[in-house]
Amino acid sequence: MIKSPAEVELMAEAGRRLAAVFAHLDGLDLLGMSTLAINDRVETFIVGELKSRPASKGQYGYGFVLNSSRNHVVCHGVPSAGEVLADGDIVNLDITLETGGFIADSSKTYLIGSAAAPARRLVRATEEALWKGIRTVRPGATLGDIGHAIERHAKRYGYSVVRDFCGHGIGREMHEEPQVLHYGKPGTGLTLREGMVFTIEPMLNQGRRAVRTEDDGWTVVTADGSLSAQFEHTVAVARDGVRVLT
């Protein structure tokens, strides 16, 4: 669970490369692109430009380098040539990358074209909730502090926090201890120590927090059909606070 300073630096390099993937995506006009085309472009960039490994491809039998979760899809959306991003959509792109034996994990929700005000409000609040959680990270804080900060911010906007999925420790393996819940009570849960590395990745729904998994066994959607958004970073507990690696 605790990474050495040298290991944190290796993870930071993986994080820098993953950040470059999102910088590449930020420069694209995603309107009219299929989610499979985005997947393929990301794979080419990771393998060809960054000389790294897309860590999600082959994980648990998954065949793609990213998850593309559009509108009411909460997480684990599967790229498809038939799913073309249209004006007004929102889509979360969740991407992992491995280099030097360590994995980085991050996601971002993109607004496509002229997204309506309610969608923009949800996306903005979700990103803010992520940073509320990140800013609580320091030695001596607890996992409950992170979850509380996120949930409190979501409730201010009238949104619900998905409880079926959470953040996680990360390193040489994609999913390590601890589990990082996006709800909780201050001062409860595991106490944070320097060298811990984990993801924080809140998913906020416009409606109820209930979700269901579709028949493909991957795609998770809101039970009531409401919009959902997510943002994620990999972070390390540093001596003087928090270090965002992605």
C-alpha atoms as a PDB file:
ATOM      1  CA  MET A   1       0.000   0.000   0.000  1.00  0.00           C
ATOM      2  CA  ILE A   2       2.913   2.354   0.742  1.00  0.00           C
ATOM      3  CA  LYS A   3       5.134   3.290  -2.200  1.00  0.00           C
ATOM      4  CA  SER A   4       8.778   4.279  -1.820  1.00  0.00           C
ATOM      5  CA  PRO A   5       9.899   7.693  -3.073  1.00  0.00           C
ATOM      6  CA  ALA A   6      11.472   5.999  -6.094  1.00  0.00           C
ATOM      7  CA  GLU A   7       8.237   4.160  -6.851  1.00  0.00           C
ATOM      8  CA  VAL A   8       6.225   7.372  -6.559  1.00  0.00           C
ATOM      9  CA  GLU A   9       8.532   8.973  -9.124  1.00  0.00           C
ATOM     10  CA  LEU A  10       7.957   6.064 -11.515  1.00  0.00           C
ATOM     11  CA  MET A  11       4.231   6.479 -11.011  1.00  0.00           C
ATOM     12  CA  ALA A  12       4.570  10.210 -11.635  1.00  0.00           C
ATOM     13  CA  GLU A  13       6.160   9.456 -14.998  1.00  0.00           C
ATOM     14  CA  ALA A  14       3.222   7.205 -15.895  1.00  0.00           C
ATOM     15  CA  GLY A  15       0.932  10.005 -14.768  1.00  0.00           C
ATOM     16  CA  ARG A  16       2.705  12.601 -16.917  1.00  0.00           C
ATOM     17  CA  ARG A  17       2.283  10.396 -19.955  1.00  0.00           C
ATOM     18  CA  LEU A  18      -1.389   9.842 -19.211  1.00  0.00           C
ATOM     19  CA  ALA A  19      -1.871  13.594 -18.785  1.00  0.00           C
ATOM     20  CA  ALA A  20      -0.399  13.965 -22.282  1.00  0.00           C
ATOM     21  CA  VAL A  21      -3.134  11.662 -23.602  1.00  0.00           C
ATOM     22  CA  PHE A  22      -5.817  13.949 -22.206  1.00  0.00           C
ATOM     23  CA  ALA A  23      -3.998  17.016 -23.543  1.00  0.00           C
ATOM     24  CA  HIS A  24      -4.139  15.335 -26.955  1.00  0.00           C
ATOM     25  CA  LEU A  25      -7.874  14.712 -26.568  1.00  0.00           C
ATOM     26  CA  ASP A  26      -8.431  18.286 -25.414  1.00  0.00           C
ATOM     27  CA  GLY A  27      -7.165  19.436 -28.804  1.00  0.00           C
ATOM     28  CA  LEU A  28      -9.648  17.347 -30.774  1.00  0.00           C
ATOM     29  CA  ASP A  29     -13.165  18.196 -31.859  1.00  0.00           C
ATOM     30  CA  LEU A  30     -15.015  15.120 -30.594  1.00  0.00           C
ATOM     31  CA  LEU A  31     -18.315  16.141 -32.187  1.00  0.00           C
ATOM     32  CA  GLY A  32     -19.229  13.583 -34.850  1.00  0.00           C
ATOM     33  CA  MET A  33     -16.554  11.077 -33.796  1.00  0.00           C
ATOM     34  CA  SER A  34     -17.511   7.554 -32.811  1.00  0.00           C
ATOM     35  CA  THR A  35     -16.355   6.339 -29.426  1.00  0.00           C
ATOM     36  CA  LEU A  36     -14.490   3.516 -31.204  1.00  0.00           C
ATOM     37  CA  ALA A  37     -12.617   6.055 -33.333  1.00  0.00           C
ATOM     38  CA  ILE A  38     -11.598   7.874 -30.146  1.00  0.00           C
ATOM     39  CA  ASN A  39     -10.486   4.576 -28.614  1.00  0.00           C
ATOM     40  CA  ASP A  40      -8.347   3.772 -31.656  1.00  0.00           C
ATOM     41  CA  ARG A  41      -6.799   7.229 -31.729  1.00  0.00           C
ATOM     42  CA  VAL A  42      -5.899   6.983 -28.052  1.00  0.00           C
ATOM     43  CA  GLU A  43      -4.344   3.562 -28.560  1.00  0.00           C
ATOM     44  CA  THR A  44      -2.200   4.871 -31.416  1.00  0.00           C
ATOM     45  CA  PHE A  45      -1.071   7.814 -29.273  1.00  0.00           C
ATOM     46  CA  ILE A  46      -0.230   5.697 -26.211  1.00  0.00           C
ATOM     47  CA  VAL A  47       1.620   3.002 -28.125  1.00  0.00           C
ATOM     48  CA  GLY A  48       3.094   5.010 -31.000  1.00  0.00           C
ATOM     49  CA  GLU A  49       3.857   8.399 -29.440  1.00  0.00           C
ATOM     50  CA  LEU A  50       4.337   7.552 -25.757  1.00  0.00           C
ATOM     51  CA  LYS A  51       5.813   4.048 -26.164  1.00  0.00           C
ATOM     52  CA  SER A  52       3.613   2.867 -23.307  1.00  0.00           C
ATOM     53  CA  ARG A  53       1.038   0.160 -22.711  1.00  0.00           C
ATOM     54  CA  PRO A  54      -2.719   0.794 -22.547  1.00  0.00           C
ATOM     55  CA  ALA A  55      -3.306  -0.907 -19.208  1.00  0.00           C
ATOM     56  CA  SER A  56      -7.055  -1.441 -19.621  1.00  0.00           C
ATOM     57  CA  LYS A  57      -6.761  -3.492 -22.792  1.00  0.00           C
ATOM     58  CA  GLY A  58      -6.920  -7.149 -21.766  1.00  0.00           C
ATOM     59  CA  GLN A  59      -7.701  -6.322 -18.125  1.00  0.00           C
ATOM     60  CA  TYR A  60     -10.464  -8.678 -16.961  1.00  0.00           C
ATOM     61  CA  GLY A  61     -10.927  -9.661 -20.604  1.00  0.00           C
ATOM     62  CA  TYR A  62     -11.762  -6.111 -21.720  1.00  0.00           C
ATOM     63  CA  GLY A  63     -10.903  -5.482 -25.371  1.00  0.00           C
ATOM     64  CA  PHE A  64     -10.408  -1.716 -25.517  1.00  0.00           C
ATOM     65  CA  VAL A  65      -8.007   0.938 -24.233  1.00  0.00           C
ATOM     66  CA  LEU A  66     -10.657   3.170 -22.656  1.00  0.00           C
ATOM     67  CA  ASN A  67     -14.180   3.323 -21.291  1.00  0.00           C
ATOM     68  CA  SER A  68     -16.515   5.769 -23.026  1.00  0.00           C
ATOM     69  CA  SER A  69     -19.525   6.584 -20.850  1.00  0.00           C
ATOM     70  CA  ARG A  70     -22.033   8.857 -22.579  1.00  0.00           C
ATOM     71  CA  ASN A  71     -24.940  10.765 -21.003  1.00  0.00           C
ATOM     72  CA  HIS A  72     -26.781   8.328 -18.670  1.00  0.00           C
ATOM     73  CA  VAL A  73     -23.887   5.830 -18.663  1.00  0.00           C
ATOM     74  CA  VAL A  74     -22.204   6.031 -15.264  1.00  0.00           C
ATOM     75  CA  CYS A  75     -19.039   4.045 -16.028  1.00  0.00           C
ATOM     76  CA  HIS A  76     -17.527   1.159 -18.012  1.00  0.00           C
ATOM     77  CA  GLY A  77     -19.137   2.185 -21.305  1.00  0.00           C
ATOM     78  CA  VAL A  78     -17.778   0.163 -24.223  1.00  0.00           C
ATOM     79  CA  PRO A  79     -16.512   1.986 -27.352  1.00  0.00           C
ATOM     80  CA  SER A  80     -18.556   1.368 -30.495  1.00  0.00           C
ATOM     81  CA  ALA A  81     -18.389   2.389 -34.148  1.00  0.00           C
ATOM     82  CA  GLY A  82     -22.130   2.971 -33.989  1.00  0.00           C
ATOM     83  CA  GLU A  83     -21.983   5.363 -31.037  1.00  0.00           C
ATOM     84  CA  VAL A  84     -21.324   8.771 -32.570  1.00  0.00           C
ATOM     85  CA  LEU A  85     -21.011  11.787 -30.287  1.00  0.00           C
ATOM     86  CA  ALA A  86     -23.727  14.329 -31.039  1.00  0.00           C
ATOM     87  CA  ASP A  87     -24.255  17.967 -30.172  1.00  0.00           C
ATOM     88  CA  GLY A  88     -25.352  18.250 -26.539  1.00  0.00           C
ATOM     89  CA  ASP A  89     -23.854  14.962 -25.356  1.00  0.00           C
ATOM     90  CA  ILE A  90     -21.526  14.553 -22.412  1.00  0.00           C
ATOM     91  CA  VAL A  91     -19.038  11.683 -22.413  1.00  0.00           C
ATOM     92  CA  ASN A  92     -16.576  10.438 -19.810  1.00  0.00           C
ATOM     93  CA  LEU A  93     -13.342   8.986 -21.174  1.00  0.00           C
ATOM     94  CA  ASP A  94     -11.588   6.770 -18.600  1.00  0.00           C
ATOM     95  CA  ILE A  95      -8.045   5.825 -19.606  1.00  0.00           C
ATOM     96  CA  THR A  96      -5.184   3.902 -17.998  1.00  0.00           C
ATOM     97  CA  LEU A  97      -1.543   3.673 -18.989  1.00  0.00           C
ATOM     98  CA  GLU A  98       1.403   1.570 -17.831  1.00  0.00           C
ATOM     99  CA  THR A  99       5.065   2.434 -18.172  1.00  0.00           C
ATOM    100  CA  GLY A 100       8.080   1.373 -16.133  1.00  0.00           C
ATOM    101  CA  GLY A 101       5.984  -1.278 -14.422  1.00  0.00           C
ATOM    102  CA  PHE A 102       3.510   1.182 -12.861  1.00  0.00           C
ATOM    103  CA  ILE A 103      -0.019   2.214 -13.842  1.00  0.00           C
ATOM    104  CA  ALA A 104      -1.745   5.609 -13.910  1.00  0.00           C
ATOM    105  CA  ASP A 105      -5.519   6.033 -14.095  1.00  0.00           C
ATOM    106  CA  SER A 106      -7.535   9.143 -14.915  1.00  0.00           C
ATOM    107  CA  SER A 107     -10.815  10.226 -16.485  1.00  0.00           C
ATOM    108  CA  LYS A 108     -12.527  13.368 -17.708  1.00  0.00           C
ATOM    109  CA  THR A 109     -16.066  14.215 -18.793  1.00  0.00           C
ATOM    110  CA  TYR A 110     -16.228  16.178 -22.035  1.00  0.00           C
ATOM    111  CA  LEU A 111     -19.033  18.490 -23.137  1.00  0.00           C
ATOM    112  CA  ILE A 112     -19.859  17.916 -26.806  1.00  0.00           C
ATOM    113  CA  GLY A 113     -20.917  20.928 -28.855  1.00  0.00           C
ATOM    114  CA  SER A 114     -23.582  23.099 -27.283  1.00  0.00           C
ATOM    115  CA  ALA A 115     -24.402  21.053 -24.194  1.00  0.00           C
ATOM    116  CA  ALA A 116     -27.395  22.385 -22.278  1.00  0.00           C
ATOM    117  CA  ALA A 117     -27.014  24.301 -19.028  1.00  0.00           C
ATOM    118  CA  PRO A 118     -28.097  21.401 -16.752  1.00  0.00           C
ATOM    119  CA  ALA A 119     -25.434  19.139 -18.288  1.00  0.00           C
ATOM    120  CA  ARG A 120     -22.785  21.835 -17.961  1.00  0.00           C
ATOM    121  CA  ARG A 121     -23.755  22.400 -14.335  1.00  0.00           C
ATOM    122  CA  LEU A 122     -23.440  18.676 -13.551  1.00  0.00           C
ATOM    123  CA  VAL A 123     -20.044  18.383 -15.229  1.00  0.00           C
ATOM    124  CA  ARG A 124     -18.710  21.472 -13.464  1.00  0.00           C
ATOM    125  CA  ALA A 125     -19.958  20.326 -10.059  1.00  0.00           C
ATOM    126  CA  THR A 126     -18.476  16.855 -10.524  1.00  0.00           C
ATOM    127  CA  GLU A 127     -15.035  18.233 -11.325  1.00  0.00           C
ATOM    128  CA  GLU A 128     -15.303  20.563  -8.347  1.00  0.00           C
ATOM    129  CA  ALA A 129     -16.250  17.602  -6.134  1.00  0.00           C
ATOM    130  CA  LEU A 130     -13.144  15.734  -7.258  1.00  0.00           C
ATOM    131  CA  TRP A 131     -10.953  18.654  -6.240  1.00  0.00           C
ATOM    132  CA  LYS A 132     -12.770  19.041  -2.926  1.00  0.00           C
ATOM    133  CA  GLY A 133     -11.764  15.460  -2.204  1.00  0.00           C
ATOM    134  CA  ILE A 134      -8.190  15.900  -3.418  1.00  0.00           C
ATOM    135  CA  ARG A 135      -7.653  18.960  -1.230  1.00  0.00           C
ATOM    136  CA  THR A 136      -8.390  16.951   1.930  1.00  0.00           C
ATOM    137  CA  VAL A 137      -5.510  14.524   1.242  1.00  0.00           C
ATOM    138  CA  ARG A 138      -2.541  14.823   3.606  1.00  0.00           C
ATOM    139  CA  PRO A 139      -0.793  12.633   6.169  1.00  0.00           C
ATOM    140  CA  GLY A 140      -3.066  12.145   9.167  1.00  0.00           C
ATOM    141  CA  ALA A 141      -6.300  12.770   7.272  1.00  0.00           C
ATOM    142  CA  THR A 142      -8.688   9.865   6.712  1.00  0.00           C
ATOM    143  CA  LEU A 143     -10.495   8.292   3.799  1.00  0.00           C
ATOM    144  CA  GLY A 144     -13.732   9.441   5.419  1.00  0.00           C
ATOM    145  CA  ASP A 145     -12.545  13.046   5.074  1.00  0.00           C
ATOM    146  CA  ILE A 146     -12.254  12.567   1.304  1.00  0.00           C
ATOM    147  CA  GLY A 147     -15.682  11.006   0.938  1.00  0.00           C
ATOM    148  CA  HIS A 148     -17.343  13.600   3.147  1.00  0.00           C
ATOM    149  CA  ALA A 149     -15.911  16.517   1.167  1.00  0.00           C
ATOM    150  CA  ILE A 150     -17.134  15.028  -2.106  1.00  0.00           C
ATOM    151  CA  GLU A 151     -20.607  14.121  -0.872  1.00  0.00           C
ATOM    152  CA  ARG A 152     -21.142  17.477   0.816  1.00  0.00           C
ATOM    153  CA  HIS A 153     -20.336  19.305  -2.417  1.00  0.00           C
ATOM    154  CA  ALA A 154     -22.612  17.047  -4.476  1.00  0.00           C
ATOM    155  CA  LYS A 155     -25.516  17.611  -2.089  1.00  0.00           C
ATOM    156  CA  ARG A 156     -25.084  21.374  -2.332  1.00  0.00           C
ATOM    157  CA  TYR A 157     -26.048  21.047  -5.990  1.00  0.00           C
ATOM    158  CA  GLY A 158     -28.781  18.470  -5.397  1.00  0.00           C
ATOM    159  CA  TYR A 159     -26.832  15.597  -6.968  1.00  0.00           C
ATOM    160  CA  SER A 160     -26.396  12.047  -5.715  1.00  0.00           C
ATOM    161  CA  VAL A 161     -23.091  10.205  -5.345  1.00  0.00           C
ATOM    162  CA  VAL A 162     -22.874   6.711  -6.847  1.00  0.00           C
ATOM    163  CA  ARG A 163     -21.960   4.237  -4.099  1.00  0.00           C
ATOM    164  CA  ASP A 164     -21.577   1.073  -6.158  1.00  0.00           C
ATOM    165  CA  PHE A 165     -18.113   2.062  -7.439  1.00  0.00           C
ATOM    166  CA  CYS A 166     -15.182   3.733  -5.744  1.00  0.00           C
ATOM    167  CA  GLY A 167     -11.591   4.830  -6.061  1.00  0.00           C
ATOM    168  CA  HIS A 168      -8.766   2.409  -5.329  1.00  0.00           C
ATOM    169  CA  GLY A 169      -5.141   1.976  -4.561  1.00  0.00           C
ATOM    170  CA  ILE A 170      -2.948   1.655  -7.646  1.00  0.00           C
ATOM    171  CA  GLY A 171       0.649   0.781  -8.458  1.00  0.00           C
ATOM    172  CA  ARG A 172       2.015  -2.266 -10.218  1.00  0.00           C
ATOM    173  CA  GLU A 173      -1.583  -3.516 -10.280  1.00  0.00           C
ATOM    174  CA  MET A 174      -4.593  -1.608 -11.512  1.00  0.00           C
ATOM    175  CA  HIS A 175      -6.634  -2.211  -8.381  1.00  0.00           C
ATOM    176  CA  GLU A 176      -4.925  -2.329  -5.000  1.00  0.00           C
ATOM    177  CA  GLU A 177      -5.941  -1.452  -1.461  1.00  0.00           C
ATOM    178  CA  PRO A 178      -7.414   0.735  -0.147  1.00  0.00           C
ATOM    179  CA  GLN A 179     -10.920   1.308  -1.459  1.00  0.00           C
ATOM    180  CA  VAL A 180     -11.659   5.037  -1.634  1.00  0.00           C
ATOM    181  CA  LEU A 181     -15.351   5.762  -1.094  1.00  0.00           C
ATOM    182  CA  HIS A 182     -16.848   9.012  -2.349  1.00  0.00           C
ATOM    183  CA  TYR A 183     -19.080   9.435   0.683  1.00  0.00           C
ATOM    184  CA  GLY A 184     -18.351   9.183   4.390  1.00  0.00           C
ATOM    185  CA  LYS A 185     -17.902  10.875   7.729  1.00  0.00           C
ATOM    186  CA  PRO A 186     -14.960  13.069   8.721  1.00  0.00           C
ATOM    187  CA  GLY A 187     -12.335  11.379  10.851  1.00  0.00           C
ATOM    188  CA  THR A 188     -13.409   7.844   9.947  1.00  0.00           C
ATOM    189  CA  GLY A 189     -11.750   5.138   7.916  1.00  0.00           C
ATOM    190  CA  LEU A 190      -8.106   4.490   7.138  1.00  0.00           C
ATOM    191  CA  THR A 191      -5.620   7.155   8.207  1.00  0.00           C
ATOM    192  CA  LEU A 192      -3.551   8.428   5.295  1.00  0.00           C
ATOM    193  CA  ARG A 193       0.222   8.007   5.336  1.00  0.00           C
ATOM    194  CA  GLU A 194       2.957   9.438   3.148  1.00  0.00           C
ATOM    195  CA  GLY A 195       3.560   7.195   0.131  1.00  0.00           C
ATOM    196  CA  MET A 196      -0.005   5.975  -0.296  1.00  0.00           C
ATOM    197  CA  VAL A 197      -1.122   6.214  -3.930  1.00  0.00           C
ATOM    198  CA  PHE A 198      -4.753   5.885  -4.983  1.00  0.00           C
ATOM    199  CA  THR A 199      -7.422   7.196  -7.308  1.00  0.00           C
ATOM    200  CA  ILE A 200     -10.251   9.551  -6.447  1.00  0.00           C
ATOM    201  CA  GLU A 201     -13.009   9.284  -9.045  1.00  0.00           C
ATOM    202  CA  PRO A 202     -16.462  10.518  -7.980  1.00  0.00           C
ATOM    203  CA  MET A 203     -19.503   9.763 -10.142  1.00  0.00           C
ATOM    204  CA  LEU A 204     -22.398  12.189  -9.655  1.00  0.00           C
ATOM    205  CA  ASN A 205     -25.928  11.620 -10.945  1.00  0.00           C
ATOM    206  CA  GLN A 206     -28.562  14.259 -11.655  1.00  0.00           C
ATOM    207  CA  GLY A 207     -31.182  11.909 -10.230  1.00  0.00           C
ATOM    208  CA  ARG A 208     -31.048   8.970  -7.843  1.00  0.00           C
ATOM    209  CA  ARG A 209     -27.774   7.205  -7.054  1.00  0.00           C
ATOM    210  CA  ALA A 210     -29.128   3.778  -8.088  1.00  0.00           C
ATOM    211  CA  VAL A 211     -27.452   2.139 -11.082  1.00  0.00           C
ATOM    212  CA  ARG A 212     -27.820  -1.032 -13.113  1.00  0.00           C
ATOM    213  CA  THR A 213     -25.539  -3.026 -15.396  1.00  0.00           C
ATOM    214  CA  GLU A 214     -26.668  -3.655 -18.957  1.00  0.00           C
ATOM    215  CA  ASP A 215     -26.721  -7.053 -20.640  1.00  0.00           C
ATOM    216  CA  ASP A 216     -23.197  -6.680 -22.061  1.00  0.00           C
ATOM    217  CA  GLY A 217     -21.888  -7.171 -18.521  1.00  0.00           C
ATOM    218  CA  TRP A 218     -19.855  -3.938 -18.661  1.00  0.00           C
ATOM    219  CA  THR A 219     -21.978  -0.849 -19.201  1.00  0.00           C
ATOM    220  CA  VAL A 220     -23.346   0.702 -15.992  1.00  0.00           C
ATOM    221  CA  VAL A 221     -26.209   3.193 -16.366  1.00  0.00           C
ATOM    222  CA  THR A 222     -28.337   5.308 -14.054  1.00  0.00           C
ATOM    223  CA  ALA A 223     -31.451   3.402 -13.029  1.00  0.00           C
ATOM    224  CA  ASP A 224     -33.661   6.426 -13.690  1.00  0.00           C
ATOM    225  CA  GLY A 225     -32.056   7.479 -16.971  1.00  0.00           C
ATOM    226  CA  SER A 226     -30.638  10.716 -15.577  1.00  0.00           C
ATOM    227  CA  LEU A 227     -27.288  12.152 -16.661  1.00  0.00           C
ATOM    228  CA  SER A 228     -24.107  11.088 -14.878  1.00  0.00           C
ATOM    229  CA  ALA A 229     -20.621  12.609 -14.882  1.00  0.00           C
ATOM    230  CA  GLN A 230     -17.235  11.557 -13.532  1.00  0.00           C
ATOM    231  CA  PHE A 231     -13.731  12.935 -13.088  1.00  0.00           C
ATOM    232  CA  GLU A 232     -10.683  11.060 -11.788  1.00  0.00           C
ATOM    233  CA  HIS A 233      -7.064  11.604 -10.816  1.00  0.00           C
ATOM    234  CA  THR A 234      -4.346   9.396  -9.389  1.00  0.00           C
ATOM    235  CA  VAL A 235      -2.866  11.050  -6.298  1.00  0.00           C
ATOM    236  CA  ALA A 236      -0.050  10.385  -3.840  1.00  0.00           C
ATOM    237  CA  VAL A 237       0.005  11.338  -0.171  1.00  0.00           C
ATOM    238  CA  ALA A 238       3.040  13.628   0.153  1.00  0.00           C
ATOM    239  CA  ARG A 239       4.892  14.803   3.233  1.00  0.00           C
ATOM    240  CA  ASP A 240       3.327  18.251   3.025  1.00  0.00           C
ATOM    241  CA  GLY A 241      -0.062  17.316   1.544  1.00  0.00           C
ATOM    242  CA  VAL A 242      -1.053  15.790  -1.771  1.00  0.00           C
ATOM    243  CA  ARG A 243       0.642  15.274  -5.117  1.00  0.00           C
ATOM    244  CA  VAL A 244      -1.573  14.862  -8.179  1.00  0.00           C
ATOM    245  CA  LEU A 245       0.176  12.398 -10.485  1.00  0.00           C
ATOM    246  CA  THR A 246      -2.106  12.646 -13.510  1.00  0.00           C
END
